[in-house]
Amino acid sequence: MLSLTLSERLALKGRAHALNPTVMIGNAGLTESVLKEIAQTLKIHELIKIRVMAERPQREEILAAICTQLNAAPVQHIGKILVIYQPNPDAHLIEIKKMPRHKGKKPLSKKQLGNR
């Protein structure tokens, strides 16, 4: 499973805000065909939203399974929406910037970053 720093995760959350879910996981759960579809979508877009129609413990298991099998990074899990990131060196559509600094001083806090 890929890991992200706090600043990378915050930048990806901001980019994912405007996205619509591209894959839906229904009552059948995480099947091979759904996993292949997620892998193809990640290759194209690098950052995707997934809507999961299951209970919370199952959603957490599905998120962990997707990230470990596809070597992706979990960005966000809010309600029934999962946000996943997998960098593609060929496409390289998303460029993650480093944490912004405030007038040459210490890095901004989470609260300060959230207000931007």
C-alpha atoms as a PDB file:
ATOM      1  CA  MET A   1       0.000   0.000   0.000  1.00  0.00           C
ATOM      2  CA  LEU A   2       1.287   3.433  -0.963  1.00  0.00           C
ATOM      3  CA  SER A   3       1.561   6.039   1.801  1.00  0.00           C
ATOM      4  CA  LEU A   4       1.132   9.796   1.563  1.00  0.00           C
ATOM      5  CA  THR A   5       2.323  12.652   3.730  1.00  0.00           C
ATOM      6  CA  LEU A   6      -0.163  15.025   5.322  1.00  0.00           C
ATOM      7  CA  SER A   7       0.492  17.793   2.802  1.00  0.00           C
ATOM      8  CA  GLU A   8       0.123  15.403  -0.147  1.00  0.00           C
ATOM      9  CA  ARG A   9      -3.141  14.056   1.259  1.00  0.00           C
ATOM     10  CA  LEU A  10      -4.502  17.590   1.762  1.00  0.00           C
ATOM     11  CA  ALA A  11      -3.583  18.567  -1.802  1.00  0.00           C
ATOM     12  CA  LEU A  12      -5.274  15.447  -3.189  1.00  0.00           C
ATOM     13  CA  LYS A  13      -8.392  16.027  -1.086  1.00  0.00           C
ATOM     14  CA  GLY A  14      -8.676  19.478  -2.613  1.00  0.00           C
ATOM     15  CA  ARG A  15      -8.372  18.086  -6.135  1.00  0.00           C
ATOM     16  CA  ALA A  16     -10.875  15.308  -5.425  1.00  0.00           C
ATOM     17  CA  HIS A  17     -13.547  17.667  -4.149  1.00  0.00           C
ATOM     18  CA  ALA A  18     -14.870  18.471  -7.635  1.00  0.00           C
ATOM     19  CA  LEU A  19     -14.744  14.875  -8.890  1.00  0.00           C
ATOM     20  CA  ASN A  20     -17.783  12.653  -9.327  1.00  0.00           C
ATOM     21  CA  PRO A  21     -17.679   8.954  -8.382  1.00  0.00           C
ATOM     22  CA  THR A  22     -16.438   6.949 -11.368  1.00  0.00           C
ATOM     23  CA  VAL A  23     -16.953   3.436  -9.966  1.00  0.00           C
ATOM     24  CA  MET A  24     -19.797   2.050  -7.856  1.00  0.00           C
ATOM     25  CA  ILE A  25     -19.538  -1.053  -5.708  1.00  0.00           C
ATOM     26  CA  GLY A  26     -22.958  -2.585  -5.101  1.00  0.00           C
ATOM     27  CA  ASN A  27     -24.355  -5.420  -3.027  1.00  0.00           C
ATOM     28  CA  ALA A  28     -22.036  -8.012  -4.594  1.00  0.00           C
ATOM     29  CA  GLY A  29     -19.051  -6.297  -2.994  1.00  0.00           C
ATOM     30  CA  LEU A  30     -15.531  -6.136  -4.383  1.00  0.00           C
ATOM     31  CA  THR A  31     -15.452  -8.618  -7.268  1.00  0.00           C
ATOM     32  CA  GLU A  32     -12.684  -9.261  -9.807  1.00  0.00           C
ATOM     33  CA  SER A  33     -14.489  -7.282 -12.519  1.00  0.00           C
ATOM     34  CA  VAL A  34     -14.943  -4.270 -10.224  1.00  0.00           C
ATOM     35  CA  LEU A  35     -11.275  -4.439  -9.203  1.00  0.00           C
ATOM     36  CA  LYS A  36     -10.210  -4.503 -12.874  1.00  0.00           C
ATOM     37  CA  GLU A  37     -12.429  -1.495 -13.584  1.00  0.00           C
ATOM     38  CA  ILE A  38     -10.896   0.407 -10.666  1.00  0.00           C
ATOM     39  CA  ALA A  39      -7.385  -0.457 -11.909  1.00  0.00           C
ATOM     40  CA  GLN A  40      -8.186   0.783 -15.428  1.00  0.00           C
ATOM     41  CA  THR A  41      -9.744   3.982 -14.127  1.00  0.00           C
ATOM     42  CA  LEU A  42      -6.761   4.649 -11.867  1.00  0.00           C
ATOM     43  CA  LYS A  43      -4.374   4.254 -14.823  1.00  0.00           C
ATOM     44  CA  ILE A  44      -6.297   6.903 -16.739  1.00  0.00           C
ATOM     45  CA  HIS A  45      -7.172   9.406 -14.005  1.00  0.00           C
ATOM     46  CA  GLU A  46      -4.723   8.687 -11.123  1.00  0.00           C
ATOM     47  CA  LEU A  47      -7.246  10.075  -8.581  1.00  0.00           C
ATOM     48  CA  ILE A  48     -10.761   8.631  -8.389  1.00  0.00           C
ATOM     49  CA  LYS A  49     -13.846   8.554  -6.210  1.00  0.00           C
ATOM     50  CA  ILE A  50     -15.642   5.279  -5.540  1.00  0.00           C
ATOM     51  CA  ARG A  51     -19.175   4.973  -4.156  1.00  0.00           C
ATOM     52  CA  VAL A  52     -19.669   1.900  -1.951  1.00  0.00           C
ATOM     53  CA  MET A  53     -23.142   0.643  -1.028  1.00  0.00           C
ATOM     54  CA  ALA A  54     -22.218  -1.295   2.111  1.00  0.00           C
ATOM     55  CA  GLU A  55     -22.041  -0.835   5.871  1.00  0.00           C
ATOM     56  CA  ARG A  56     -19.142   1.089   7.428  1.00  0.00           C
ATOM     57  CA  PRO A  57     -16.979  -1.884   8.564  1.00  0.00           C
ATOM     58  CA  GLN A  58     -17.302  -3.427   5.099  1.00  0.00           C
ATOM     59  CA  ARG A  59     -16.369  -0.115   3.451  1.00  0.00           C
ATOM     60  CA  GLU A  60     -13.180   0.066   5.511  1.00  0.00           C
ATOM     61  CA  GLU A  61     -12.293  -3.502   4.512  1.00  0.00           C
ATOM     62  CA  ILE A  62     -12.998  -2.732   0.846  1.00  0.00           C
ATOM     63  CA  LEU A  63     -10.795   0.378   0.992  1.00  0.00           C
ATOM     64  CA  ALA A  64      -7.939  -1.589   2.540  1.00  0.00           C
ATOM     65  CA  ALA A  65      -8.342  -4.433   0.008  1.00  0.00           C
ATOM     66  CA  ILE A  66      -8.335  -2.069  -2.983  1.00  0.00           C
ATOM     67  CA  CYS A  67      -5.266  -0.181  -1.759  1.00  0.00           C
ATOM     68  CA  THR A  68      -3.242  -3.312  -0.987  1.00  0.00           C
ATOM     69  CA  GLN A  69      -4.113  -5.181  -4.183  1.00  0.00           C
ATOM     70  CA  LEU A  70      -3.558  -2.208  -6.507  1.00  0.00           C
ATOM     71  CA  ASN A  71      -0.699  -0.582  -4.545  1.00  0.00           C
ATOM     72  CA  ALA A  72      -2.694   2.630  -4.235  1.00  0.00           C
ATOM     73  CA  ALA A  73      -2.982   5.212  -1.473  1.00  0.00           C
ATOM     74  CA  PRO A  74      -6.176   5.902   0.465  1.00  0.00           C
ATOM     75  CA  VAL A  75      -6.817   9.638   0.436  1.00  0.00           C
ATOM     76  CA  GLN A  76     -10.206  10.023   2.061  1.00  0.00           C
ATOM     77  CA  HIS A  77     -13.180   8.023   3.368  1.00  0.00           C
ATOM     78  CA  ILE A  78     -16.289  10.082   4.004  1.00  0.00           C
ATOM     79  CA  GLY A  79     -19.604   8.289   4.259  1.00  0.00           C
ATOM     80  CA  LYS A  80     -20.074   6.027   1.255  1.00  0.00           C
ATOM     81  CA  ILE A  81     -17.395   7.779  -0.820  1.00  0.00           C
ATOM     82  CA  LEU A  82     -13.798   6.538  -1.019  1.00  0.00           C
ATOM     83  CA  VAL A  83     -11.037   8.581  -2.657  1.00  0.00           C
ATOM     84  CA  ILE A  84      -8.015   6.654  -3.940  1.00  0.00           C
ATOM     85  CA  TYR A  85      -4.780   7.816  -5.572  1.00  0.00           C
ATOM     86  CA  GLN A  86      -2.297   5.803  -7.611  1.00  0.00           C
ATOM     87  CA  PRO A  87       0.474   7.687  -9.441  1.00  0.00           C
ATOM     88  CA  ASN A  88       0.972   6.777 -13.087  1.00  0.00           C
ATOM     89  CA  PRO A  89       4.467   7.707 -14.334  1.00  0.00           C
ATOM     90  CA  ASP A  90       3.322   7.547 -17.969  1.00  0.00           C
ATOM     91  CA  ALA A  91       0.359   9.910 -17.622  1.00  0.00           C
ATOM     92  CA  HIS A  92       1.587  11.968 -14.641  1.00  0.00           C
ATOM     93  CA  LEU A  93      -1.571  14.080 -14.670  1.00  0.00           C
ATOM     94  CA  ILE A  94      -1.459  15.159 -11.034  1.00  0.00           C
ATOM     95  CA  GLU A  95       1.457  17.073  -9.632  1.00  0.00           C
ATOM     96  CA  ILE A  96       1.557  17.148  -5.849  1.00  0.00           C
ATOM     97  CA  LYS A  97       3.049  20.334  -4.468  1.00  0.00           C
ATOM     98  CA  LYS A  98       4.933  20.556  -1.220  1.00  0.00           C
ATOM     99  CA  MET A  99       3.339  22.030   1.860  1.00  0.00           C
ATOM    100  CA  PRO A 100       3.038  25.816   1.485  1.00  0.00           C
ATOM    101  CA  ARG A 101       5.025  28.002   3.825  1.00  0.00           C
ATOM    102  CA  HIS A 102       3.863  31.244   5.365  1.00  0.00           C
ATOM    103  CA  LYS A 103       6.265  34.130   4.675  1.00  0.00           C
ATOM    104  CA  GLY A 104       9.387  32.022   5.139  1.00  0.00           C
ATOM    105  CA  LYS A 105       8.322  30.890   8.608  1.00  0.00           C
ATOM    106  CA  LYS A 106       7.160  27.526   9.912  1.00  0.00           C
ATOM    107  CA  PRO A 107       4.741  25.395   7.839  1.00  0.00           C
ATOM    108  CA  LEU A 108       1.048  26.203   7.986  1.00  0.00           C
ATOM    109  CA  SER A 109      -1.142  24.221  10.380  1.00  0.00           C
ATOM    110  CA  LYS A 110      -4.064  22.023   9.313  1.00  0.00           C
ATOM    111  CA  LYS A 111      -6.514  24.748  10.298  1.00  0.00           C
ATOM    112  CA  GLN A 112      -4.661  27.375   8.277  1.00  0.00           C
ATOM    113  CA  LEU A 113      -4.502  25.053   5.268  1.00  0.00           C
ATOM    114  CA  GLY A 114      -8.205  24.314   5.553  1.00  0.00           C
ATOM    115  CA  ASN A 115      -9.055  28.017   5.340  1.00  0.00           C
ATOM    116  CA  ARG A 116      -7.334  28.343   1.975  1.00  0.00           C
END
